[in-house]
PDB file of N, CA and C in Angstrom:
ATOM      1  N   ALA A   1     -42.220   8.447  10.040  1.00  0.00           N
ATOM      2  CA  ALA A   1     -42.038   7.024   9.867  1.00  0.00           C
ATOM      3  C   ALA A   1     -41.267   6.477  11.048  1.00  0.00           C
ATOM      4  N   ARG A   2     -41.660   5.320  11.501  1.00  0.00           N
ATOM      5  CA  ARG A   2     -40.937   4.667  12.582  1.00  0.00           C
ATOM      6  C   ARG A   2     -40.671   3.234  12.189  1.00  0.00           C
ATOM      7  N   ILE A   3     -39.636   2.664  12.772  1.00  0.00           N
ATOM      8  CA  ILE A   3     -39.268   1.288  12.455  1.00  0.00           C
ATOM      9  C   ILE A   3     -39.498   0.445  13.694  1.00  0.00           C
ATOM     10  N   ALA A   4     -40.164  -0.669  13.519  1.00  0.00           N
ATOM     11  CA  ALA A   4     -40.406  -1.594  14.619  1.00  0.00           C
ATOM     12  C   ALA A   4     -39.985  -2.972  14.173  1.00  0.00           C
ATOM     13  N   GLN A   5     -39.689  -3.816  15.153  1.00  0.00           N
ATOM     14  CA  GLN A   5     -39.366  -5.198  14.828  1.00  0.00           C
ATOM     15  C   GLN A   5     -40.489  -6.065  15.364  1.00  0.00           C
ATOM     16  N   THR A   6     -40.979  -6.963  14.550  1.00  0.00           N
ATOM     17  CA  THR A   6     -42.023  -7.886  14.973  1.00  0.00           C
ATOM     18  C   THR A   6     -41.464  -9.280  14.909  1.00  0.00           C
ATOM     19  N   SER A   7     -42.083 -10.184  15.644  1.00  0.00           N
ATOM     20  CA  SER A   7     -41.666 -11.586  15.566  1.00  0.00           C
ATOM     21  C   SER A   7     -42.877 -12.419  15.206  1.00  0.00           C
ATOM     22  N   SER A   8     -42.666 -13.395  14.349  1.00  0.00           N
ATOM     23  CA  SER A   8     -43.773 -14.272  13.971  1.00  0.00           C
ATOM     24  C   SER A   8     -43.924 -15.331  15.044  1.00  0.00           C
ATOM     25  N   ALA A   9     -45.138 -15.687  15.316  1.00  0.00           N
ATOM     26  CA  ALA A   9     -45.408 -16.659  16.369  1.00  0.00           C
ATOM     27  C   ALA A   9     -44.978 -18.046  15.925  1.00  0.00           C
ATOM     28  N   SER A  10     -44.472 -18.824  16.881  1.00  0.00           N
ATOM     29  CA  SER A  10     -44.089 -20.190  16.551  1.00  0.00           C
ATOM     30  C   SER A  10     -45.316 -21.081  16.605  1.00  0.00           C
ATOM     31  N   THR A  11     -45.284 -22.138  15.824  1.00  0.00           N
ATOM     32  CA  THR A  11     -46.440 -23.026  15.769  1.00  0.00           C
ATOM     33  C   THR A  11     -46.072 -24.397  16.277  1.00  0.00           C
ATOM     34  N   GLY A  12     -46.977 -25.008  17.015  1.00  0.00           N
ATOM     35  CA  GLY A  12     -46.829 -26.388  17.452  1.00  0.00           C
ATOM     36  C   GLY A  12     -45.534 -26.656  18.181  1.00  0.00           C
ATOM     37  N   GLY A  13     -44.850 -27.756  17.819  1.00  0.00           N
ATOM     38  CA  GLY A  13     -43.652 -28.181  18.488  1.00  0.00           C
ATOM     39  C   GLY A  13     -42.391 -27.582  17.900  1.00  0.00           C
ATOM     40  N   ASN A  14     -42.506 -26.566  17.053  1.00  0.00           N
ATOM     41  CA  ASN A  14     -41.333 -25.947  16.447  1.00  0.00           C
ATOM     42  C   ASN A  14     -40.536 -25.226  17.527  1.00  0.00           C
ATOM     43  N   ARG A  15     -39.306 -25.651  17.764  1.00  0.00           N
ATOM     44  CA  ARG A  15     -38.495 -25.063  18.821  1.00  0.00           C
ATOM     45  C   ARG A  15     -37.504 -24.027  18.304  1.00  0.00           C
ATOM     46  N   SER A  16     -37.541 -23.719  17.032  1.00  0.00           N
ATOM     47  CA  SER A  16     -36.621 -22.707  16.504  1.00  0.00           C
ATOM     48  C   SER A  16     -37.069 -21.336  16.978  1.00  0.00           C
ATOM     49  N   PRO A  17     -36.107 -20.424  17.124  1.00  0.00           N
ATOM     50  CA  PRO A  17     -36.467 -19.084  17.588  1.00  0.00           C
ATOM     51  C   PRO A  17     -37.360 -18.384  16.573  1.00  0.00           C
ATOM     52  N   PRO A  18     -38.190 -17.457  17.050  1.00  0.00           N
ATOM     53  CA  PRO A  18     -39.065 -16.751  16.120  1.00  0.00           C
ATOM     54  C   PRO A  18     -38.266 -15.908  15.142  1.00  0.00           C
ATOM     55  N   VAL A  19     -38.801 -15.767  13.943  1.00  0.00           N
ATOM     56  CA  VAL A  19     -38.152 -14.975  12.905  1.00  0.00           C
ATOM     57  C   VAL A  19     -38.493 -13.514  13.159  1.00  0.00           C
ATOM     58  N   ARG A  20     -37.459 -12.671  13.205  1.00  0.00           N
ATOM     59  CA  ARG A  20     -37.688 -11.242  13.439  1.00  0.00           C
ATOM     60  C   ARG A  20     -37.639 -10.524  12.100  1.00  0.00           C
ATOM     61  N   GLU A  21     -38.560  -9.642  11.917  1.00  0.00           N
ATOM     62  CA  GLU A  21     -38.688  -8.952  10.645  1.00  0.00           C
ATOM     63  C   GLU A  21     -38.815  -7.460  10.915  1.00  0.00           C
ATOM     64  N   ARG A  22     -38.099  -6.661  10.137  1.00  0.00           N
ATOM     65  CA  ARG A  22     -38.200  -5.205  10.293  1.00  0.00           C
ATOM     66  C   ARG A  22     -39.430  -4.714   9.560  1.00  0.00           C
ATOM     67  N   VAL A  23     -40.193  -3.861  10.226  1.00  0.00           N
ATOM     68  CA  VAL A  23     -41.397  -3.293   9.627  1.00  0.00           C
ATOM     69  C   VAL A  23     -41.286  -1.782   9.715  1.00  0.00           C
ATOM     70  N   LEU A  24     -41.547  -1.108   8.638  1.00  0.00           N
ATOM     71  CA  LEU A  24     -41.528   0.344   8.576  1.00  0.00           C
ATOM     72  C   LEU A  24     -42.972   0.823   8.637  1.00  0.00           C
ATOM     73  N   TRP A  25     -43.252   1.680   9.600  1.00  0.00           N
ATOM     74  CA  TRP A  25     -44.610   2.204   9.742  1.00  0.00           C
ATOM     75  C   TRP A  25     -44.670   3.560   9.060  1.00  0.00           C
ATOM     76  N   VAL A  26     -45.519   3.656   8.029  1.00  0.00           N
ATOM     77  CA  VAL A  26     -45.708   4.899   7.290  1.00  0.00           C
ATOM     78  C   VAL A  26     -47.182   5.262   7.352  1.00  0.00           C
ATOM     79  N   GLU A  27     -47.455   6.440   7.845  1.00  0.00           N
ATOM     80  CA  GLU A  27     -48.834   6.931   7.958  1.00  0.00           C
ATOM     81  C   GLU A  27     -49.733   5.914   8.641  1.00  0.00           C
ATOM     82  N   GLY A  28     -49.222   5.299   9.722  1.00  0.00           N
ATOM     83  CA  GLY A  28     -50.009   4.372  10.505  1.00  0.00           C
ATOM     84  C   GLY A  28     -50.178   2.992   9.904  1.00  0.00           C
ATOM     85  N   LYS A  29     -49.530   2.721   8.760  1.00  0.00           N
ATOM     86  CA  LYS A  29     -49.654   1.417   8.109  1.00  0.00           C
ATOM     87  C   LYS A  29     -48.291   0.734   8.067  1.00  0.00           C
ATOM     88  N   PRO A  30     -48.245  -0.568   8.387  1.00  0.00           N
ATOM     89  CA  PRO A  30     -46.955  -1.275   8.344  1.00  0.00           C
ATOM     90  C   PRO A  30     -46.527  -1.554   6.902  1.00  0.00           C
ATOM     91  N   ARG A  31     -45.270  -1.324   6.628  1.00  0.00           N
ATOM     92  CA  ARG A  31     -44.701  -1.628   5.310  1.00  0.00           C
ATOM     93  C   ARG A  31     -43.299  -2.182   5.509  1.00  0.00           C
ATOM     94  N   LYS A  32     -42.945  -3.147   4.681  1.00  0.00           N
ATOM     95  CA  LYS A  32     -41.579  -3.658   4.714  1.00  0.00           C
ATOM     96  C   LYS A  32     -40.684  -2.646   4.020  1.00  0.00           C
ATOM     97  N   PRO A  33     -39.473  -2.415   4.541  1.00  0.00           N
ATOM     98  CA  PRO A  33     -38.571  -1.469   3.879  1.00  0.00           C
ATOM     99  C   PRO A  33     -38.159  -1.983   2.503  1.00  0.00           C
ATOM    100  N   ALA A  34     -37.954  -1.052   1.598  1.00  0.00           N
ATOM    101  CA  ALA A  34     -37.527  -1.407   0.242  1.00  0.00           C
ATOM    102  C   ALA A  34     -36.118  -1.980   0.272  1.00  0.00           C
ATOM    103  N   VAL A  35     -35.875  -2.909  -0.607  1.00  0.00           N
ATOM    104  CA  VAL A  35     -34.543  -3.495  -0.731  1.00  0.00           C
ATOM    105  C   VAL A  35     -33.747  -2.633  -1.698  1.00  0.00           C
ATOM    106  N   ARG A  36     -32.597  -2.156  -1.248  1.00  0.00           N
ATOM    107  CA  ARG A  36     -31.748  -1.325  -2.096  1.00  0.00           C
ATOM    108  C   ARG A  36     -30.865  -2.202  -2.958  1.00  0.00           C
ATOM    109  N   PRO A  37     -30.666  -1.806  -4.222  1.00  0.00           N
ATOM    110  CA  PRO A  37     -29.774  -2.594  -5.085  1.00  0.00           C
ATOM    111  C   PRO A  37     -28.333  -2.467  -4.610  1.00  0.00           C
ATOM    112  N   LYS A  38     -27.571  -3.515  -4.817  1.00  0.00           N
ATOM    113  CA  LYS A  38     -26.161  -3.488  -4.441  1.00  0.00           C
ATOM    114  C   LYS A  38     -25.418  -2.552  -5.382  1.00  0.00           C
ATOM    115  N   PRO A  39     -24.460  -1.764  -4.842  1.00  0.00           N
ATOM    116  CA  PRO A  39     -23.707  -0.864  -5.717  1.00  0.00           C
ATOM    117  C   PRO A  39     -22.813  -1.647  -6.659  1.00  0.00           C
ATOM    118  N   LYS A  40     -22.616  -1.095  -7.860  1.00  0.00           N
ATOM    119  CA  LYS A  40     -21.718  -1.722  -8.821  1.00  0.00           C
ATOM    120  C   LYS A  40     -20.287  -1.483  -8.378  1.00  0.00           C
ATOM    121  N   LEU A  41     -19.439  -2.453  -8.609  1.00  0.00           N
ATOM    122  CA  LEU A  41     -18.037  -2.339  -8.229  1.00  0.00           C
ATOM    123  C   LEU A  41     -17.279  -1.526  -9.263  1.00  0.00           C
ATOM    124  N   ASP A  42     -16.362  -0.676  -8.793  1.00  0.00           N
ATOM    125  CA  ASP A  42     -15.520   0.067  -9.727  1.00  0.00           C
ATOM    126  C   ASP A  42     -14.401  -0.840 -10.219  1.00  0.00           C
ATOM    127  N   SER A  43     -13.597  -0.339 -11.129  1.00  0.00           N
ATOM    128  CA  SER A  43     -12.583  -1.176 -11.770  1.00  0.00           C
ATOM    129  C   SER A  43     -11.563  -1.724 -10.789  1.00  0.00           C
ATOM    130  N   ALA A  44     -11.267  -0.978  -9.735  1.00  0.00           N
ATOM    131  CA  ALA A  44     -10.269  -1.451  -8.774  1.00  0.00           C
ATOM    132  C   ALA A  44     -10.810  -2.620  -7.961  1.00  0.00           C
ATOM    133  N   ALA A  45     -12.128  -2.705  -7.818  1.00  0.00           N
ATOM    134  CA  ALA A  45     -12.717  -3.767  -7.028  1.00  0.00           C
ATOM    135  C   ALA A  45     -12.996  -5.022  -7.844  1.00  0.00           C
ATOM    136  N   ARG A  46     -12.960  -4.912  -9.166  1.00  0.00           N
ATOM    137  CA  ARG A  46     -13.195  -6.080 -10.013  1.00  0.00           C
ATOM    138  C   ARG A  46     -12.017  -7.043  -9.908  1.00  0.00           C
ATOM    139  N   SER A  47     -12.269  -8.292 -10.235  1.00  0.00           N
ATOM    140  CA  SER A  47     -11.172  -9.255 -10.210  1.00  0.00           C
ATOM    141  C   SER A  47     -10.227  -8.975 -11.379  1.00  0.00           C
ATOM    142  N   SER A  48      -8.981  -9.344 -11.204  1.00  0.00           N
ATOM    143  CA  SER A  48      -7.983  -9.067 -12.237  1.00  0.00           C
ATOM    144  C   SER A  48      -8.282  -9.821 -13.530  1.00  0.00           C
ATOM    145  N   SER A  49      -9.080 -10.885 -13.456  1.00  0.00           N
ATOM    146  CA  SER A  49      -9.388 -11.634 -14.671  1.00  0.00           C
ATOM    147  C   SER A  49     -10.285 -10.843 -15.622  1.00  0.00           C
ATOM    148  N   SER A  50     -10.998  -9.835 -15.121  1.00  0.00           N
ATOM    149  CA  SER A  50     -11.875  -9.054 -15.981  1.00  0.00           C
ATOM    150  C   SER A  50     -11.205  -7.769 -16.466  1.00  0.00           C
ATOM    151  N   LEU A  51      -9.946  -7.559 -16.102  1.00  0.00           N
ATOM    152  CA  LEU A  51      -9.218  -6.370 -16.524  1.00  0.00           C
ATOM    153  C   LEU A  51      -8.481  -6.633 -17.834  1.00  0.00           C
ATOM    154  N   SER A  52      -8.362  -5.613 -18.649  1.00  0.00           N
ATOM    155  CA  SER A  52      -7.589  -5.748 -19.883  1.00  0.00           C
ATOM    156  C   SER A  52      -6.102  -5.739 -19.547  1.00  0.00           C
ATOM    157  N   LYS A  53      -5.278  -6.160 -20.502  1.00  0.00           N
ATOM    158  CA  LYS A  53      -3.826  -6.148 -20.284  1.00  0.00           C
ATOM    159  C   LYS A  53      -3.331  -4.739 -19.997  1.00  0.00           C
ATOM    160  N   GLN A  54      -3.918  -3.749 -20.689  1.00  0.00           N
ATOM    161  CA  GLN A  54      -3.511  -2.368 -20.474  1.00  0.00           C
ATOM    162  C   GLN A  54      -3.872  -1.916 -19.060  1.00  0.00           C
ATOM    163  N   GLU A  55      -5.087  -2.269 -18.609  1.00  0.00           N
ATOM    164  CA  GLU A  55      -5.501  -1.893 -17.260  1.00  0.00           C
ATOM    165  C   GLU A  55      -4.605  -2.535 -16.210  1.00  0.00           C
ATOM    166  N   ILE A  56      -4.210  -3.784 -16.442  1.00  0.00           N
ATOM    167  CA  ILE A  56      -3.339  -4.478 -15.493  1.00  0.00           C
ATOM    168  C   ILE A  56      -1.982  -3.786 -15.423  1.00  0.00           C
ATOM    169  N   ALA A  57      -1.439  -3.383 -16.581  1.00  0.00           N
ATOM    170  CA  ALA A  57      -0.149  -2.690 -16.590  1.00  0.00           C
ATOM    171  C   ALA A  57      -0.239  -1.353 -15.873  1.00  0.00           C
ATOM    172  N   VAL A  58      -1.293  -0.594 -16.155  1.00  0.00           N
ATOM    173  CA  VAL A  58      -1.470   0.715 -15.516  1.00  0.00           C
ATOM    174  C   VAL A  58      -1.746   0.530 -14.031  1.00  0.00           C
ATOM    175  N   LEU A  59      -2.560  -0.465 -13.690  1.00  0.00           N
ATOM    176  CA  LEU A  59      -2.873  -0.756 -12.297  1.00  0.00           C
ATOM    177  C   LEU A  59      -1.606  -1.092 -11.520  1.00  0.00           C
ATOM    178  N   GLY A  60      -0.741  -1.922 -12.096  1.00  0.00           N
ATOM    179  CA  GLY A  60       0.514  -2.275 -11.433  1.00  0.00           C
ATOM    180  C   GLY A  60       1.409  -1.066 -11.218  1.00  0.00           C
ATOM    181  N   TRP A  61       1.489  -0.204 -12.238  1.00  0.00           N
ATOM    182  CA  TRP A  61       2.322   0.995 -12.126  1.00  0.00           C
ATOM    183  C   TRP A  61       1.778   1.922 -11.042  1.00  0.00           C
ATOM    184  N   LEU A  62       0.465   2.130 -11.031  1.00  0.00           N
ATOM    185  CA  LEU A  62      -0.137   3.007 -10.020  1.00  0.00           C
ATOM    186  C   LEU A  62       0.013   2.431  -8.622  1.00  0.00           C
ATOM    187  N   SER A  63      -0.123   1.117  -8.480  1.00  0.00           N
ATOM    188  CA  SER A  63      -0.025   0.509  -7.154  1.00  0.00           C
ATOM    189  C   SER A  63       1.391   0.598  -6.589  1.00  0.00           C
ATOM    190  N   ARG A  64       2.400   0.651  -7.456  1.00  0.00           N
ATOM    191  CA  ARG A  64       3.769   0.822  -6.965  1.00  0.00           C
ATOM    192  C   ARG A  64       3.983   2.219  -6.395  1.00  0.00           C
ATOM    193  N   ILE A  65       3.204   3.178  -6.862  1.00  0.00           N
ATOM    194  CA  ILE A  65       3.285   4.542  -6.324  1.00  0.00           C
ATOM    195  C   ILE A  65       2.527   4.601  -5.004  1.00  0.00           C
ATOM    196  N   ASP A  66       1.249   4.201  -5.047  1.00  0.00           N
ATOM    197  CA  ASP A  66       0.386   4.239  -3.863  1.00  0.00           C
ATOM    198  C   ASP A  66      -0.861   3.419  -4.188  1.00  0.00           C
ATOM    199  N   SER A  67      -1.252   2.530  -3.303  1.00  0.00           N
ATOM    200  CA  SER A  67      -2.418   1.679  -3.567  1.00  0.00           C
ATOM    201  C   SER A  67      -3.702   2.491  -3.743  1.00  0.00           C
ATOM    202  N   LYS A  68      -3.749   3.695  -3.191  1.00  0.00           N
ATOM    203  CA  LYS A  68      -4.940   4.537  -3.345  1.00  0.00           C
ATOM    204  C   LYS A  68      -5.120   5.019  -4.781  1.00  0.00           C
ATOM    205  N   LEU A  69      -4.078   4.940  -5.579  1.00  0.00           N
ATOM    206  CA  LEU A  69      -4.153   5.408  -6.968  1.00  0.00           C
ATOM    207  C   LEU A  69      -4.719   4.351  -7.911  1.00  0.00           C
ATOM    208  N   GLU A  70      -4.850   3.113  -7.446  1.00  0.00           N
ATOM    209  CA  GLU A  70      -5.338   2.026  -8.294  1.00  0.00           C
ATOM    210  C   GLU A  70      -6.715   2.322  -8.887  1.00  0.00           C
ATOM    211  N   GLN A  71      -7.496   3.128  -8.191  1.00  0.00           N
ATOM    212  CA  GLN A  71      -8.854   3.432  -8.645  1.00  0.00           C
ATOM    213  C   GLN A  71      -8.881   4.161  -9.984  1.00  0.00           C
ATOM    214  N   TYR A  72      -7.747   4.721 -10.405  1.00  0.00           N
ATOM    215  CA  TYR A  72      -7.701   5.516 -11.635  1.00  0.00           C
ATOM    216  C   TYR A  72      -7.241   4.730 -12.866  1.00  0.00           C
ATOM    217  N   ALA A  73      -6.959   3.452 -12.723  1.00  0.00           N
ATOM    218  CA  ALA A  73      -6.434   2.663 -13.848  1.00  0.00           C
ATOM    219  C   ALA A  73      -7.368   2.700 -15.056  1.00  0.00           C
ATOM    220  N   SER A  74      -8.635   2.419 -14.849  1.00  0.00           N
ATOM    221  CA  SER A  74      -9.586   2.414 -15.977  1.00  0.00           C
ATOM    222  C   SER A  74      -9.717   3.792 -16.600  1.00  0.00           C
ATOM    223  N   ASN A  75      -9.739   4.832 -15.767  1.00  0.00           N
ATOM    224  CA  ASN A  75      -9.853   6.203 -16.287  1.00  0.00           C
ATOM    225  C   ASN A  75      -8.699   6.517 -17.228  1.00  0.00           C
ATOM    226  N   LEU A  76      -7.498   6.153 -16.823  1.00  0.00           N
ATOM    227  CA  LEU A  76      -6.328   6.442 -17.652  1.00  0.00           C
ATOM    228  C   LEU A  76      -6.377   5.656 -18.958  1.00  0.00           C
ATOM    229  N   VAL A  77      -6.736   4.381 -18.876  1.00  0.00           N
ATOM    230  CA  VAL A  77      -6.806   3.547 -20.080  1.00  0.00           C
ATOM    231  C   VAL A  77      -7.869   4.090 -21.036  1.00  0.00           C
ATOM    232  N   LEU A  78      -9.031   4.437 -20.507  1.00  0.00           N
ATOM    233  CA  LEU A  78     -10.106   4.969 -21.348  1.00  0.00           C
ATOM    234  C   LEU A  78      -9.754   6.329 -21.951  1.00  0.00           C
ATOM    235  N   SER A  79      -8.818   7.049 -21.306  1.00  0.00           N
ATOM    236  CA  SER A  79      -8.384   8.349 -21.830  1.00  0.00           C
ATOM    237  C   SER A  79      -7.204   8.214 -22.792  1.00  0.00           C
ATOM    238  N   GLY A  80      -6.811   6.987 -23.088  1.00  0.00           N
ATOM    239  CA  GLY A  80      -5.728   6.768 -24.043  1.00  0.00           C
ATOM    240  C   GLY A  80      -4.363   6.555 -23.424  1.00  0.00           C
ATOM    241  N   TRP A  81      -4.261   6.644 -22.124  1.00  0.00           N
ATOM    242  CA  TRP A  81      -2.984   6.420 -21.436  1.00  0.00           C
ATOM    243  C   TRP A  81      -2.947   4.971 -20.976  1.00  0.00           C
ATOM    244  N   ASP A  82      -2.669   4.066 -21.929  1.00  0.00           N
ATOM    245  CA  ASP A  82      -2.771   2.644 -21.633  1.00  0.00           C
ATOM    246  C   ASP A  82      -1.432   1.926 -21.519  1.00  0.00           C
ATOM    247  N   ASP A  83      -0.334   2.657 -21.586  1.00  0.00           N
ATOM    248  CA  ASP A  83       0.977   2.039 -21.461  1.00  0.00           C
ATOM    249  C   ASP A  83       1.874   2.938 -20.614  1.00  0.00           C
ATOM    250  N   PRO A  84       2.210   2.500 -19.393  1.00  0.00           N
ATOM    251  CA  PRO A  84       3.040   3.326 -18.512  1.00  0.00           C
ATOM    252  C   PRO A  84       4.392   3.719 -19.123  1.00  0.00           C
ATOM    253  N   MET A  85       4.866   2.979 -20.125  1.00  0.00           N
ATOM    254  CA  MET A  85       6.140   3.316 -20.760  1.00  0.00           C
ATOM    255  C   MET A  85       6.059   4.662 -21.483  1.00  0.00           C
ATOM    256  N   PHE A  86       4.830   5.086 -21.830  1.00  0.00           N
ATOM    257  CA  PHE A  86       4.639   6.328 -22.575  1.00  0.00           C
ATOM    258  C   PHE A  86       3.961   7.413 -21.746  1.00  0.00           C
ATOM    259  N   PHE A  87       4.051   7.310 -20.421  1.00  0.00           N
ATOM    260  CA  PHE A  87       3.430   8.304 -19.546  1.00  0.00           C
ATOM    261  C   PHE A  87       4.273   9.578 -19.408  1.00  0.00           C
ATOM    262  N   ASP A  88       5.448   9.626 -20.013  1.00  0.00           N
ATOM    263  CA  ASP A  88       6.342  10.774 -19.853  1.00  0.00           C
ATOM    264  C   ASP A  88       5.690  12.102 -20.208  1.00  0.00           C
ATOM    265  N   GLY A  89       4.804  12.129 -21.196  1.00  0.00           N
ATOM    266  CA  GLY A  89       4.179  13.375 -21.623  1.00  0.00           C
ATOM    267  C   GLY A  89       2.921  13.732 -20.866  1.00  0.00           C
ATOM    268  N   LEU A  90       2.584  12.956 -19.878  1.00  0.00           N
ATOM    269  CA  LEU A  90       1.369  13.175 -19.121  1.00  0.00           C
ATOM    270  C   LEU A  90       1.439  14.490 -18.347  1.00  0.00           C
ATOM    271  N   THR A  91       0.385  15.298 -18.424  1.00  0.00           N
ATOM    272  CA  THR A  91       0.343  16.596 -17.725  1.00  0.00           C
ATOM    273  C   THR A  91      -0.770  16.599 -16.694  1.00  0.00           C
ATOM    274  N   ASP A  92      -0.746  17.595 -15.831  1.00  0.00           N
ATOM    275  CA  ASP A  92      -1.774  17.754 -14.815  1.00  0.00           C
ATOM    276  C   ASP A  92      -3.150  17.905 -15.467  1.00  0.00           C
ATOM    277  N   GLU A  93      -3.221  18.667 -16.546  1.00  0.00           N
ATOM    278  CA  GLU A  93      -4.499  18.875 -17.230  1.00  0.00           C
ATOM    279  C   GLU A  93      -5.045  17.570 -17.800  1.00  0.00           C
ATOM    280  N   GLU A  94      -4.156  16.727 -18.342  1.00  0.00           N
ATOM    281  CA  GLU A  94      -4.599  15.456 -18.895  1.00  0.00           C
ATOM    282  C   GLU A  94      -5.072  14.515 -17.787  1.00  0.00           C
ATOM    283  N   LEU A  95      -4.426  14.575 -16.633  1.00  0.00           N
ATOM    284  CA  LEU A  95      -4.883  13.768 -15.504  1.00  0.00           C
ATOM    285  C   LEU A  95      -6.269  14.228 -15.054  1.00  0.00           C
ATOM    286  N   GLN A  96      -6.501  15.537 -15.065  1.00  0.00           N
ATOM    287  CA  GLN A  96      -7.826  16.050 -14.705  1.00  0.00           C
ATOM    288  C   GLN A  96      -8.875  15.584 -15.709  1.00  0.00           C
ATOM    289  N   ARG A  97      -8.543  15.645 -16.999  1.00  0.00           N
ATOM    290  CA  ARG A  97      -9.474  15.179 -18.037  1.00  0.00           C
ATOM    291  C   ARG A  97      -9.749  13.684 -17.906  1.00  0.00           C
ATOM    292  N   ALA A  98      -8.788  12.952 -17.375  1.00  0.00           N
ATOM    293  CA  ALA A  98      -8.963  11.503 -17.169  1.00  0.00           C
ATOM    294  C   ALA A  98      -9.795  11.209 -15.925  1.00  0.00           C
ATOM    295  N   GLY A  99     -10.237  12.245 -15.217  1.00  0.00           N
ATOM    296  CA  GLY A  99     -11.106  12.050 -14.060  1.00  0.00           C
ATOM    297  C   GLY A  99     -10.394  11.969 -12.732  1.00  0.00           C
ATOM    298  N   ILE A 100      -9.124  12.320 -12.697  1.00  0.00           N
ATOM    299  CA  ILE A 100      -8.387  12.319 -11.433  1.00  0.00           C
ATOM    300  C   ILE A 100      -8.526  13.714 -10.838  1.00  0.00           C
ATOM    301  N   VAL A 101      -9.529  13.893  -9.993  1.00  0.00           N
ATOM    302  CA  VAL A 101      -9.845  15.222  -9.465  1.00  0.00           C
ATOM    303  C   VAL A 101      -9.051  15.565  -8.214  1.00  0.00           C
ATOM    304  N   ASN A 102      -8.534  14.578  -7.537  1.00  0.00           N
ATOM    305  CA  ASN A 102      -7.760  14.807  -6.315  1.00  0.00           C
ATOM    306  C   ASN A 102      -6.377  15.346  -6.689  1.00  0.00           C
ATOM    307  N   ALA A 103      -6.106  16.599  -6.300  1.00  0.00           N
ATOM    308  CA  ALA A 103      -4.842  17.253  -6.655  1.00  0.00           C
ATOM    309  C   ALA A 103      -3.634  16.517  -6.070  1.00  0.00           C
ATOM    310  N   PHE A 104      -3.766  15.985  -4.871  1.00  0.00           N
ATOM    311  CA  PHE A 104      -2.655  15.261  -4.258  1.00  0.00           C
ATOM    312  C   PHE A 104      -2.330  14.006  -5.061  1.00  0.00           C
ATOM    313  N   HIS A 105      -3.354  13.300  -5.527  1.00  0.00           N
ATOM    314  CA  HIS A 105      -3.123  12.097  -6.332  1.00  0.00           C
ATOM    315  C   HIS A 105      -2.469  12.440  -7.665  1.00  0.00           C
ATOM    316  N   ARG A 106      -2.915  13.538  -8.282  1.00  0.00           N
ATOM    317  CA  ARG A 106      -2.274  13.961  -9.538  1.00  0.00           C
ATOM    318  C   ARG A 106      -0.804  14.289  -9.292  1.00  0.00           C
ATOM    319  N   ARG A 107      -0.516  14.984  -8.199  1.00  0.00           N
ATOM    320  CA  ARG A 107       0.865  15.346  -7.881  1.00  0.00           C
ATOM    321  C   ARG A 107       1.709  14.094  -7.641  1.00  0.00           C
ATOM    322  N   GLN A 108       1.145  13.098  -6.967  1.00  0.00           N
ATOM    323  CA  GLN A 108       1.876  11.843  -6.740  1.00  0.00           C
ATOM    324  C   GLN A 108       2.254  11.186  -8.067  1.00  0.00           C
ATOM    325  N   ILE A 109       1.311  11.151  -8.994  1.00  0.00           N
ATOM    326  CA  ILE A 109       1.564  10.532 -10.294  1.00  0.00           C
ATOM    327  C   ILE A 109       2.639  11.305 -11.044  1.00  0.00           C
ATOM    328  N   LEU A 110       2.520  12.622 -11.072  1.00  0.00           N
ATOM    329  CA  LEU A 110       3.495  13.445 -11.801  1.00  0.00           C
ATOM    330  C   LEU A 110       4.881  13.361 -11.171  1.00  0.00           C
ATOM    331  N   GLN A 111       4.951  13.317  -9.842  1.00  0.00           N
ATOM    332  CA  GLN A 111       6.253  13.185  -9.180  1.00  0.00           C
ATOM    333  C   GLN A 111       6.878  11.826  -9.461  1.00  0.00           C
ATOM    334  N   ALA A 112       6.061  10.785  -9.565  1.00  0.00           N
ATOM    335  CA  ALA A 112       6.586   9.459  -9.915  1.00  0.00           C
ATOM    336  C   ALA A 112       7.163   9.471 -11.312  1.00  0.00           C
ATOM    337  N   LEU A 113       6.517  10.201 -12.205  1.00  0.00           N
ATOM    338  CA  LEU A 113       7.046  10.304 -13.579  1.00  0.00           C
ATOM    339  C   LEU A 113       8.384  11.028 -13.619  1.00  0.00           C
ATOM    340  N   LEU A 114       8.572  11.959 -12.689  1.00  0.00           N
ATOM    341  CA  LEU A 114       9.830  12.696 -12.625  1.00  0.00           C
ATOM    342  C   LEU A 114      10.894  11.970 -11.808  1.00  0.00           C
ATOM    343  N   GLY A 115      10.525  10.810 -11.259  1.00  0.00           N
ATOM    344  CA  GLY A 115      11.479  10.008 -10.494  1.00  0.00           C
ATOM    345  C   GLY A 115      11.653  10.472  -9.068  1.00  0.00           C
ATOM    346  N   ARG A 116      10.715  11.269  -8.557  1.00  0.00           N
ATOM    347  CA  ARG A 116      10.832  11.779  -7.188  1.00  0.00           C
ATOM    348  C   ARG A 116      10.185  10.872  -6.168  1.00  0.00           C
ATOM    349  N   ILE A 117       9.489   9.863  -6.628  1.00  0.00           N
ATOM    350  CA  ILE A 117       8.862   8.921  -5.689  1.00  0.00           C
ATOM    351  C   ILE A 117       9.523   7.565  -5.898  1.00  0.00           C
TER     352      ILE A 117
END
């Protein structure tokens, strides 16, 4: 497959530049490339108006530790950890079950609970 750009011819007194269009050549036939759907936004990318009160509280607590941890707010809330005041019993295994696979991020959260951050 090869990609070429074509331009449509201008007509009459139209002085606007020609429109350029990408064409994908497959097996000797021109085809327009497929349009890919836009990816869905994760919870950290959603606006705060669509977040629950619990997610906002967890999001705020995580962001005070490190902004990279904000992505885990929904995971924690969905796993039942919806109030940072009760995070004292949180363990490494529970963070893994909540979908926090990055060991460094889990360690950051646990150290914050111990007051080391």
